[in-house]
Amino acid sequence: MRLSKEQVEKISRLMLENLKKKELIIFKANEDTVLHRIIDLFIRDLKTEDDLDREVENIMKQYSNEIEGGRMDYRKMFSMIKHKLVKERGIVI
């Protein structure tokens, strides 16, 4: 995960505070419950992206000779494959 659990918690807390401050949220549950749900969803989404990145890396292994030979740009190919999988699976990242 690119962010630590502490960073996710801090970002989630800031998001919730901003929503409250701007009166864009009405709580139907305890604020702590809402905060923990936000954190859980945030972490789940980060893990989904991490899993996708690992899958793309495995696909990229098929092209290692082309990449090493300079015939293919790793980052560009990684991005293209990831974008294709995201689109095919309807993943929001």
PDB file of N, CA and C in Angstrom:
ATOM      1  N   MET A   1       0.845  -1.168   0.000  1.00  0.00           N
ATOM      2  CA  MET A   1       0.000   0.000   0.000  1.00  0.00           C
ATOM      3  C   MET A   1       0.895   1.237   0.000  1.00  0.00           C
ATOM      4  N   ARG A   2       0.544   2.182  -0.808  1.00  0.00           N
ATOM      5  CA  ARG A   2       1.357   3.389  -0.932  1.00  0.00           C
ATOM      6  C   ARG A   2       1.248   4.311   0.273  1.00  0.00           C
ATOM      7  N   LEU A   3       0.158   4.202   0.984  1.00  0.00           N
ATOM      8  CA  LEU A   3      -0.049   5.014   2.179  1.00  0.00           C
ATOM      9  C   LEU A   3      -0.062   4.105   3.398  1.00  0.00           C
ATOM     10  N   SER A   4       0.458   4.614   4.500  1.00  0.00           N
ATOM     11  CA  SER A   4       0.396   3.837   5.735  1.00  0.00           C
ATOM     12  C   SER A   4      -1.023   3.923   6.304  1.00  0.00           C
ATOM     13  N   LYS A   5      -1.325   3.016   7.210  1.00  0.00           N
ATOM     14  CA  LYS A   5      -2.641   3.033   7.853  1.00  0.00           C
ATOM     15  C   LYS A   5      -2.859   4.368   8.568  1.00  0.00           C
ATOM     16  N   GLU A   6      -1.802   4.894   9.160  1.00  0.00           N
ATOM     17  CA  GLU A   6      -1.905   6.179   9.860  1.00  0.00           C
ATOM     18  C   GLU A   6      -2.244   7.307   8.884  1.00  0.00           C
ATOM     19  N   GLN A   7      -1.628   7.283   7.706  1.00  0.00           N
ATOM     20  CA  GLN A   7      -1.921   8.308   6.699  1.00  0.00           C
ATOM     21  C   GLN A   7      -3.368   8.199   6.224  1.00  0.00           C
ATOM     22  N   VAL A   8      -3.823   6.968   6.016  1.00  0.00           N
ATOM     23  CA  VAL A   8      -5.210   6.749   5.595  1.00  0.00           C
ATOM     24  C   VAL A   8      -6.163   7.276   6.661  1.00  0.00           C
ATOM     25  N   GLU A   9      -5.865   6.990   7.911  1.00  0.00           N
ATOM     26  CA  GLU A   9      -6.717   7.463   9.002  1.00  0.00           C
ATOM     27  C   GLU A   9      -6.746   8.987   9.056  1.00  0.00           C
ATOM     28  N   LYS A  10      -5.589   9.605   8.896  1.00  0.00           N
ATOM     29  CA  LYS A  10      -5.519  11.071   8.944  1.00  0.00           C
ATOM     30  C   LYS A  10      -6.304  11.693   7.786  1.00  0.00           C
ATOM     31  N   ILE A  11      -6.117  11.170   6.589  1.00  0.00           N
ATOM     32  CA  ILE A  11      -6.836  11.687   5.417  1.00  0.00           C
ATOM     33  C   ILE A  11      -8.340  11.491   5.601  1.00  0.00           C
ATOM     34  N   SER A  12      -8.721  10.329   6.082  1.00  0.00           N
ATOM     35  CA  SER A  12     -10.142  10.034   6.298  1.00  0.00           C
ATOM     36  C   SER A  12     -10.747  10.984   7.325  1.00  0.00           C
ATOM     37  N   ARG A  13     -10.009  11.219   8.389  1.00  0.00           N
ATOM     38  CA  ARG A  13     -10.482  12.135   9.438  1.00  0.00           C
ATOM     39  C   ARG A  13     -10.648  13.551   8.870  1.00  0.00           C
ATOM     40  N   LEU A  14      -9.670  13.987   8.071  1.00  0.00           N
ATOM     41  CA  LEU A  14      -9.749  15.321   7.457  1.00  0.00           C
ATOM     42  C   LEU A  14     -10.935  15.425   6.498  1.00  0.00           C
ATOM     43  N   MET A  15     -11.162  14.371   5.727  1.00  0.00           N
ATOM     44  CA  MET A  15     -12.306  14.364   4.808  1.00  0.00           C
ATOM     45  C   MET A  15     -13.612  14.510   5.580  1.00  0.00           C
ATOM     46  N   LEU A  16     -13.738  13.724   6.638  1.00  0.00           N
ATOM     47  CA  LEU A  16     -14.959  13.761   7.435  1.00  0.00           C
ATOM     48  C   LEU A  16     -15.140  15.130   8.093  1.00  0.00           C
ATOM     49  N   GLU A  17     -14.069  15.684   8.618  1.00  0.00           N
ATOM     50  CA  GLU A  17     -14.147  17.009   9.248  1.00  0.00           C
ATOM     51  C   GLU A  17     -14.569  18.074   8.234  1.00  0.00           C
ATOM     52  N   ASN A  18     -14.027  18.007   7.026  1.00  0.00           N
ATOM     53  CA  ASN A  18     -14.405  18.971   5.989  1.00  0.00           C
ATOM     54  C   ASN A  18     -15.866  18.826   5.590  1.00  0.00           C
ATOM     55  N   LEU A  19     -16.336  17.598   5.491  1.00  0.00           N
ATOM     56  CA  LEU A  19     -17.748  17.376   5.169  1.00  0.00           C
ATOM     57  C   LEU A  19     -18.650  17.952   6.259  1.00  0.00           C
ATOM     58  N   LYS A  20     -18.255  17.744   7.514  1.00  0.00           N
ATOM     59  CA  LYS A  20     -19.030  18.293   8.636  1.00  0.00           C
ATOM     60  C   LYS A  20     -18.993  19.815   8.622  1.00  0.00           C
ATOM     61  N   LYS A  21     -17.810  20.361   8.445  1.00  0.00           N
ATOM     62  CA  LYS A  21     -17.617  21.813   8.476  1.00  0.00           C
ATOM     63  C   LYS A  21     -18.454  22.508   7.400  1.00  0.00           C
ATOM     64  N   LYS A  22     -18.534  21.892   6.233  1.00  0.00           N
ATOM     65  CA  LYS A  22     -19.294  22.473   5.124  1.00  0.00           C
ATOM     66  C   LYS A  22     -20.757  22.037   5.132  1.00  0.00           C
ATOM     67  N   GLU A  23     -21.117  21.301   6.170  1.00  0.00           N
ATOM     68  CA  GLU A  23     -22.484  20.809   6.336  1.00  0.00           C
ATOM     69  C   GLU A  23     -22.958  20.017   5.115  1.00  0.00           C
ATOM     70  N   LEU A  24     -22.074  19.153   4.629  1.00  0.00           N
ATOM     71  CA  LEU A  24     -22.388  18.319   3.474  1.00  0.00           C
ATOM     72  C   LEU A  24     -22.732  16.883   3.871  1.00  0.00           C
ATOM     73  N   ILE A  25     -22.819  16.660   5.173  1.00  0.00           N
ATOM     74  CA  ILE A  25     -23.104  15.312   5.647  1.00  0.00           C
ATOM     75  C   ILE A  25     -24.085  15.379   6.810  1.00  0.00           C
ATOM     76  N   ILE A  26     -25.002  14.450   6.813  1.00  0.00           N
ATOM     77  CA  ILE A  26     -25.933  14.284   7.933  1.00  0.00           C
ATOM     78  C   ILE A  26     -25.712  12.870   8.444  1.00  0.00           C
ATOM     79  N   PHE A  27     -25.348  12.762   9.691  1.00  0.00           N
ATOM     80  CA  PHE A  27     -25.026  11.458  10.262  1.00  0.00           C
ATOM     81  C   PHE A  27     -26.282  10.685  10.625  1.00  0.00           C
ATOM     82  N   LYS A  28     -26.336   9.460  10.134  1.00  0.00           N
ATOM     83  CA  LYS A  28     -27.395   8.537  10.525  1.00  0.00           C
ATOM     84  C   LYS A  28     -26.820   7.468  11.445  1.00  0.00           C
ATOM     85  N   ALA A  29     -25.513   7.568  11.660  1.00  0.00           N
ATOM     86  CA  ALA A  29     -24.802   6.652  12.557  1.00  0.00           C
ATOM     87  C   ALA A  29     -23.801   7.478  13.349  1.00  0.00           C
ATOM     88  N   ASN A  30     -23.241   6.876  14.345  1.00  0.00           N
ATOM     89  CA  ASN A  30     -22.219   7.510  15.168  1.00  0.00           C
ATOM     90  C   ASN A  30     -21.048   7.948  14.289  1.00  0.00           C
ATOM     91  N   GLU A  31     -20.477   9.113  14.584  1.00  0.00           N
ATOM     92  CA  GLU A  31     -19.363   9.635  13.779  1.00  0.00           C
ATOM     93  C   GLU A  31     -18.183   8.671  13.729  1.00  0.00           C
ATOM     94  N   ASP A  32     -17.882   8.026  14.837  1.00  0.00           N
ATOM     95  CA  ASP A  32     -16.774   7.063  14.847  1.00  0.00           C
ATOM     96  C   ASP A  32     -17.055   5.893  13.911  1.00  0.00           C
ATOM     97  N   THR A  33     -18.294   5.465  13.872  1.00  0.00           N
ATOM     98  CA  THR A  33     -18.683   4.376  12.971  1.00  0.00           C
ATOM     99  C   THR A  33     -18.484   4.801  11.525  1.00  0.00           C
ATOM    100  N   VAL A  34     -18.892   6.020  11.219  1.00  0.00           N
ATOM    101  CA  VAL A  34     -18.735   6.556   9.861  1.00  0.00           C
ATOM    102  C   VAL A  34     -17.251   6.670   9.516  1.00  0.00           C
ATOM    103  N   LEU A  35     -16.464   7.191  10.441  1.00  0.00           N
ATOM    104  CA  LEU A  35     -15.027   7.329  10.208  1.00  0.00           C
ATOM    105  C   LEU A  35     -14.384   5.973   9.932  1.00  0.00           C
ATOM    106  N   HIS A  36     -14.715   4.979  10.729  1.00  0.00           N
ATOM    107  CA  HIS A  36     -14.126   3.650  10.530  1.00  0.00           C
ATOM    108  C   HIS A  36     -14.568   3.034   9.207  1.00  0.00           C
ATOM    109  N   ARG A  37     -15.773   3.323   8.798  1.00  0.00           N
ATOM    110  CA  ARG A  37     -16.258   2.825   7.496  1.00  0.00           C
ATOM    111  C   ARG A  37     -15.484   3.490   6.355  1.00  0.00           C
ATOM    112  N   ILE A  38     -15.250   4.785   6.475  1.00  0.00           N
ATOM    113  CA  ILE A  38     -14.459   5.505   5.461  1.00  0.00           C
ATOM    114  C   ILE A  38     -13.056   4.907   5.385  1.00  0.00           C
ATOM    115  N   ILE A  39     -12.446   4.696   6.534  1.00  0.00           N
ATOM    116  CA  ILE A  39     -11.097   4.122   6.582  1.00  0.00           C
ATOM    117  C   ILE A  39     -11.082   2.738   5.935  1.00  0.00           C
ATOM    118  N   ASP A  40     -12.053   1.907   6.286  1.00  0.00           N
ATOM    119  CA  ASP A  40     -12.120   0.553   5.718  1.00  0.00           C
ATOM    120  C   ASP A  40     -12.256   0.584   4.198  1.00  0.00           C
ATOM    121  N   LEU A  41     -13.120   1.465   3.702  1.00  0.00           N
ATOM    122  CA  LEU A  41     -13.313   1.570   2.251  1.00  0.00           C
ATOM    123  C   LEU A  41     -12.058   2.090   1.560  1.00  0.00           C
ATOM    124  N   PHE A  42     -11.415   3.051   2.176  1.00  0.00           N
ATOM    125  CA  PHE A  42     -10.183   3.631   1.642  1.00  0.00           C
ATOM    126  C   PHE A  42      -9.115   2.542   1.518  1.00  0.00           C
ATOM    127  N   ILE A  43      -8.932   1.780   2.587  1.00  0.00           N
ATOM    128  CA  ILE A  43      -7.930   0.709   2.589  1.00  0.00           C
ATOM    129  C   ILE A  43      -8.287  -0.369   1.568  1.00  0.00           C
ATOM    130  N   ARG A  44      -9.562  -0.708   1.491  1.00  0.00           N
ATOM    131  CA  ARG A  44      -9.991  -1.715   0.507  1.00  0.00           C
ATOM    132  C   ARG A  44      -9.668  -1.262  -0.915  1.00  0.00           C
ATOM    133  N   ASP A  45      -9.939   0.006  -1.209  1.00  0.00           N
ATOM    134  CA  ASP A  45      -9.651   0.523  -2.545  1.00  0.00           C
ATOM    135  C   ASP A  45      -8.153   0.534  -2.834  1.00  0.00           C
ATOM    136  N   LEU A  46      -7.355   0.891  -1.840  1.00  0.00           N
ATOM    137  CA  LEU A  46      -5.901   0.871  -2.029  1.00  0.00           C
ATOM    138  C   LEU A  46      -5.402  -0.548  -2.277  1.00  0.00           C
ATOM    139  N   LYS A  47      -5.965  -1.510  -1.561  1.00  0.00           N
ATOM    140  CA  LYS A  47      -5.572  -2.908  -1.755  1.00  0.00           C
ATOM    141  C   LYS A  47      -5.995  -3.402  -3.132  1.00  0.00           C
ATOM    142  N   THR A  48      -7.164  -2.973  -3.582  1.00  0.00           N
ATOM    143  CA  THR A  48      -7.620  -3.346  -4.924  1.00  0.00           C
ATOM    144  C   THR A  48      -6.636  -2.844  -5.969  1.00  0.00           C
ATOM    145  N   GLU A  49      -6.190  -1.608  -5.808  1.00  0.00           N
ATOM    146  CA  GLU A  49      -5.220  -1.063  -6.760  1.00  0.00           C
ATOM    147  C   GLU A  49      -3.879  -1.784  -6.653  1.00  0.00           C
ATOM    148  N   ASP A  50      -3.456  -2.116  -5.438  1.00  0.00           N
ATOM    149  CA  ASP A  50      -2.213  -2.875  -5.269  1.00  0.00           C
ATOM    150  C   ASP A  50      -2.302  -4.234  -5.957  1.00  0.00           C
ATOM    151  N   ASP A  51      -3.433  -4.907  -5.796  1.00  0.00           N
ATOM    152  CA  ASP A  51      -3.635  -6.206  -6.449  1.00  0.00           C
ATOM    153  C   ASP A  51      -3.582  -6.059  -7.967  1.00  0.00           C
ATOM    154  N   LEU A  52      -4.205  -5.009  -8.464  1.00  0.00           N
ATOM    155  CA  LEU A  52      -4.200  -4.748  -9.901  1.00  0.00           C
ATOM    156  C   LEU A  52      -2.775  -4.486 -10.388  1.00  0.00           C
ATOM    157  N   ASP A  53      -2.016  -3.704  -9.632  1.00  0.00           N
ATOM    158  CA  ASP A  53      -0.625  -3.427 -10.000  1.00  0.00           C
ATOM    159  C   ASP A  53       0.197  -4.713 -10.066  1.00  0.00           C
ATOM    160  N   ARG A  54      -0.017  -5.608  -9.103  1.00  0.00           N
ATOM    161  CA  ARG A  54       0.704  -6.891  -9.118  1.00  0.00           C
ATOM    162  C   ARG A  54       0.325  -7.712 -10.347  1.00  0.00           C
ATOM    163  N   GLU A  55      -0.948  -7.686 -10.689  1.00  0.00           N
ATOM    164  CA  GLU A  55      -1.397  -8.415 -11.872  1.00  0.00           C
ATOM    165  C   GLU A  55      -0.756  -7.839 -13.138  1.00  0.00           C
ATOM    166  N   VAL A  56      -0.707  -6.519 -13.222  1.00  0.00           N
ATOM    167  CA  VAL A  56      -0.078  -5.872 -14.382  1.00  0.00           C
ATOM    168  C   VAL A  56       1.404  -6.236 -14.433  1.00  0.00           C
ATOM    169  N   GLU A  57       2.070  -6.240 -13.287  1.00  0.00           N
ATOM    170  CA  GLU A  57       3.488  -6.610 -13.253  1.00  0.00           C
ATOM    171  C   GLU A  57       3.697  -8.037 -13.750  1.00  0.00           C
ATOM    172  N   ASN A  58       2.785  -8.937 -13.395  1.00  0.00           N
ATOM    173  CA  ASN A  58       2.887 -10.315 -13.882  1.00  0.00           C
ATOM    174  C   ASN A  58       2.700 -10.380 -15.396  1.00  0.00           C
ATOM    175  N   ILE A  59       1.777  -9.602 -15.911  1.00  0.00           N
ATOM    176  CA  ILE A  59       1.579  -9.545 -17.360  1.00  0.00           C
ATOM    177  C   ILE A  59       2.824  -8.971 -18.028  1.00  0.00           C
ATOM    178  N   MET A  60       3.411  -7.967 -17.403  1.00  0.00           N
ATOM    179  CA  MET A  60       4.593  -7.306 -17.970  1.00  0.00           C
ATOM    180  C   MET A  60       5.788  -8.253 -18.080  1.00  0.00           C
ATOM    181  N   LYS A  61       5.839  -9.262 -17.236  1.00  0.00           N
ATOM    182  CA  LYS A  61       6.949 -10.218 -17.294  1.00  0.00           C
ATOM    183  C   LYS A  61       7.037 -10.890 -18.658  1.00  0.00           C
ATOM    184  N   GLN A  62       5.907 -10.995 -19.338  1.00  0.00           N
ATOM    185  CA  GLN A  62       5.889 -11.590 -20.676  1.00  0.00           C
ATOM    186  C   GLN A  62       6.668 -10.735 -21.679  1.00  0.00           C
ATOM    187  N   TYR A  63       6.814  -9.474 -21.366  1.00  0.00           N
ATOM    188  CA  TYR A  63       7.459  -8.539 -22.285  1.00  0.00           C
ATOM    189  C   TYR A  63       8.849  -8.117 -21.808  1.00  0.00           C
ATOM    190  N   SER A  64       9.417  -8.871 -20.883  1.00  0.00           N
ATOM    191  CA  SER A  64      10.695  -8.468 -20.290  1.00  0.00           C
ATOM    192  C   SER A  64      11.811  -8.328 -21.325  1.00  0.00           C
ATOM    193  N   ASN A  65      11.850  -9.200 -22.324  1.00  0.00           N
ATOM    194  CA  ASN A  65      12.902  -9.098 -23.345  1.00  0.00           C
ATOM    195  C   ASN A  65      12.789  -7.804 -24.142  1.00  0.00           C
ATOM    196  N   GLU A  66      11.569  -7.438 -24.510  1.00  0.00           N
ATOM    197  CA  GLU A  66      11.360  -6.208 -25.270  1.00  0.00           C
ATOM    198  C   GLU A  66      11.700  -4.978 -24.432  1.00  0.00           C
ATOM    199  N   ILE A  67      11.357  -5.041 -23.156  1.00  0.00           N
ATOM    200  CA  ILE A  67      11.629  -3.908 -22.264  1.00  0.00           C
ATOM    201  C   ILE A  67      13.134  -3.764 -22.062  1.00  0.00           C
ATOM    202  N   GLU A  68      13.786  -4.876 -21.776  1.00  0.00           N
ATOM    203  CA  GLU A  68      15.231  -4.838 -21.558  1.00  0.00           C
ATOM    204  C   GLU A  68      15.975  -4.428 -22.821  1.00  0.00           C
ATOM    205  N   GLY A  69      15.445  -4.799 -23.960  1.00  0.00           N
ATOM    206  CA  GLY A  69      16.080  -4.446 -25.226  1.00  0.00           C
ATOM    207  C   GLY A  69      15.790  -3.022 -25.660  1.00  0.00           C
ATOM    208  N   GLY A  70      15.004  -2.312 -24.885  1.00  0.00           N
ATOM    209  CA  GLY A  70      14.705  -0.922 -25.193  1.00  0.00           C
ATOM    210  C   GLY A  70      13.647  -0.741 -26.266  1.00  0.00           C
ATOM    211  N   ARG A  71      13.002  -1.823 -26.666  1.00  0.00           N
ATOM    212  CA  ARG A  71      11.974  -1.720 -27.705  1.00  0.00           C
ATOM    213  C   ARG A  71      10.607  -1.345 -27.129  1.00  0.00           C
ATOM    214  N   MET A  72      10.519  -1.328 -25.801  1.00  0.00           N
ATOM    215  CA  MET A  72       9.243  -1.032 -25.166  1.00  0.00           C
ATOM    216  C   MET A  72       9.504  -0.251 -23.882  1.00  0.00           C
ATOM    217  N   ASP A  73       8.734   0.795 -23.665  1.00  0.00           N
ATOM    218  CA  ASP A  73       8.863   1.602 -22.458  1.00  0.00           C
ATOM    219  C   ASP A  73       8.041   0.962 -21.341  1.00  0.00           C
ATOM    220  N   TYR A  74       8.697   0.596 -20.239  1.00  0.00           N
ATOM    221  CA  TYR A  74       8.037  -0.117 -19.139  1.00  0.00           C
ATOM    222  C   TYR A  74       6.862   0.673 -18.576  1.00  0.00           C
ATOM    223  N   ARG A  75       7.097   1.921 -18.215  1.00  0.00           N
ATOM    224  CA  ARG A  75       6.053   2.739 -17.587  1.00  0.00           C
ATOM    225  C   ARG A  75       4.857   2.936 -18.513  1.00  0.00           C
ATOM    226  N   LYS A  76       5.139   3.189 -19.770  1.00  0.00           N
ATOM    227  CA  LYS A  76       4.057   3.410 -20.732  1.00  0.00           C
ATOM    228  C   LYS A  76       3.228   2.132 -20.901  1.00  0.00           C
ATOM    229  N   MET A  77       3.905   1.009 -21.035  1.00  0.00           N
ATOM    230  CA  MET A  77       3.214  -0.268 -21.205  1.00  0.00           C
ATOM    231  C   MET A  77       2.431  -0.626 -19.939  1.00  0.00           C
ATOM    232  N   PHE A  78       3.038  -0.401 -18.775  1.00  0.00           N
ATOM    233  CA  PHE A  78       2.369  -0.667 -17.500  1.00  0.00           C
ATOM    234  C   PHE A  78       1.069   0.130 -17.425  1.00  0.00           C
ATOM    235  N   SER A  79       1.167   1.398 -17.743  1.00  0.00           N
ATOM    236  CA  SER A  79       0.004   2.283 -17.694  1.00  0.00           C
ATOM    237  C   SER A  79      -1.082   1.841 -18.675  1.00  0.00           C
ATOM    238  N   MET A  80      -0.682   1.451 -19.865  1.00  0.00           N
ATOM    239  CA  MET A  80      -1.655   1.015 -20.871  1.00  0.00           C
ATOM    240  C   MET A  80      -2.383  -0.257 -20.430  1.00  0.00           C
ATOM    241  N   ILE A  81      -1.634  -1.220 -19.913  1.00  0.00           N
ATOM    242  CA  ILE A  81      -2.247  -2.479 -19.464  1.00  0.00           C
ATOM    243  C   ILE A  81      -3.170  -2.220 -18.280  1.00  0.00           C
ATOM    244  N   LYS A  82      -2.706  -1.408 -17.343  1.00  0.00           N
ATOM    245  CA  LYS A  82      -3.520  -1.101 -16.165  1.00  0.00           C
ATOM    246  C   LYS A  82      -4.811  -0.404 -16.581  1.00  0.00           C
ATOM    247  N   HIS A  83      -4.706   0.555 -17.461  1.00  0.00           N
ATOM    248  CA  HIS A  83      -5.889   1.279 -17.939  1.00  0.00           C
ATOM    249  C   HIS A  83      -6.876   0.316 -18.603  1.00  0.00           C
ATOM    250  N   LYS A  84      -6.350  -0.608 -19.389  1.00  0.00           N
ATOM    251  CA  LYS A  84      -7.204  -1.581 -20.079  1.00  0.00           C
ATOM    252  C   LYS A  84      -7.941  -2.459 -19.066  1.00  0.00           C
ATOM    253  N   LEU A  85      -7.230  -2.957 -18.061  1.00  0.00           N
ATOM    254  CA  LEU A  85      -7.858  -3.808 -17.048  1.00  0.00           C
ATOM    255  C   LEU A  85      -8.890  -3.032 -16.230  1.00  0.00           C
ATOM    256  N   VAL A  86      -8.570  -1.796 -15.899  1.00  0.00           N
ATOM    257  CA  VAL A  86      -9.507  -0.949 -15.148  1.00  0.00           C
ATOM    258  C   VAL A  86     -10.797  -0.776 -15.942  1.00  0.00           C
ATOM    259  N   LYS A  87     -10.648  -0.492 -17.218  1.00  0.00           N
ATOM    260  CA  LYS A  87     -11.816  -0.276 -18.078  1.00  0.00           C
ATOM    261  C   LYS A  87     -12.635  -1.560 -18.224  1.00  0.00           C
ATOM    262  N   GLU A  88     -11.951  -2.673 -18.464  1.00  0.00           N
ATOM    263  CA  GLU A  88     -12.644  -3.952 -18.637  1.00  0.00           C
ATOM    264  C   GLU A  88     -13.415  -4.368 -17.390  1.00  0.00           C
ATOM    265  N   ARG A  89     -12.855  -4.074 -16.231  1.00  0.00           N
ATOM    266  CA  ARG A  89     -13.444  -4.536 -14.974  1.00  0.00           C
ATOM    267  C   ARG A  89     -14.321  -3.495 -14.288  1.00  0.00           C
ATOM    268  N   GLY A  90     -14.343  -2.299 -14.837  1.00  0.00           N
ATOM    269  CA  GLY A  90     -15.163  -1.248 -14.242  1.00  0.00           C
ATOM    270  C   GLY A  90     -14.665  -0.810 -12.876  1.00  0.00           C
ATOM    271  N   ILE A  91     -13.350  -0.860 -12.700  1.00  0.00           N
ATOM    272  CA  ILE A  91     -12.746  -0.465 -11.427  1.00  0.00           C
ATOM    273  C   ILE A  91     -12.549   1.048 -11.423  1.00  0.00           C
ATOM    274  N   VAL A  92     -12.831   1.656 -10.292  1.00  0.00           N
ATOM    275  CA  VAL A  92     -12.584   3.083 -10.129  1.00  0.00           C
ATOM    276  C   VAL A  92     -11.339   3.231  -9.268  1.00  0.00           C
ATOM    277  N   ILE A  93     -10.325   3.895  -9.834  1.00  0.00           N
ATOM    278  CA  ILE A  93      -9.098   4.109  -9.060  1.00  0.00           C
ATOM    279  C   ILE A  93      -8.758   5.577  -9.017  1.00  0.00           C
TER     280      ILE A  93
END
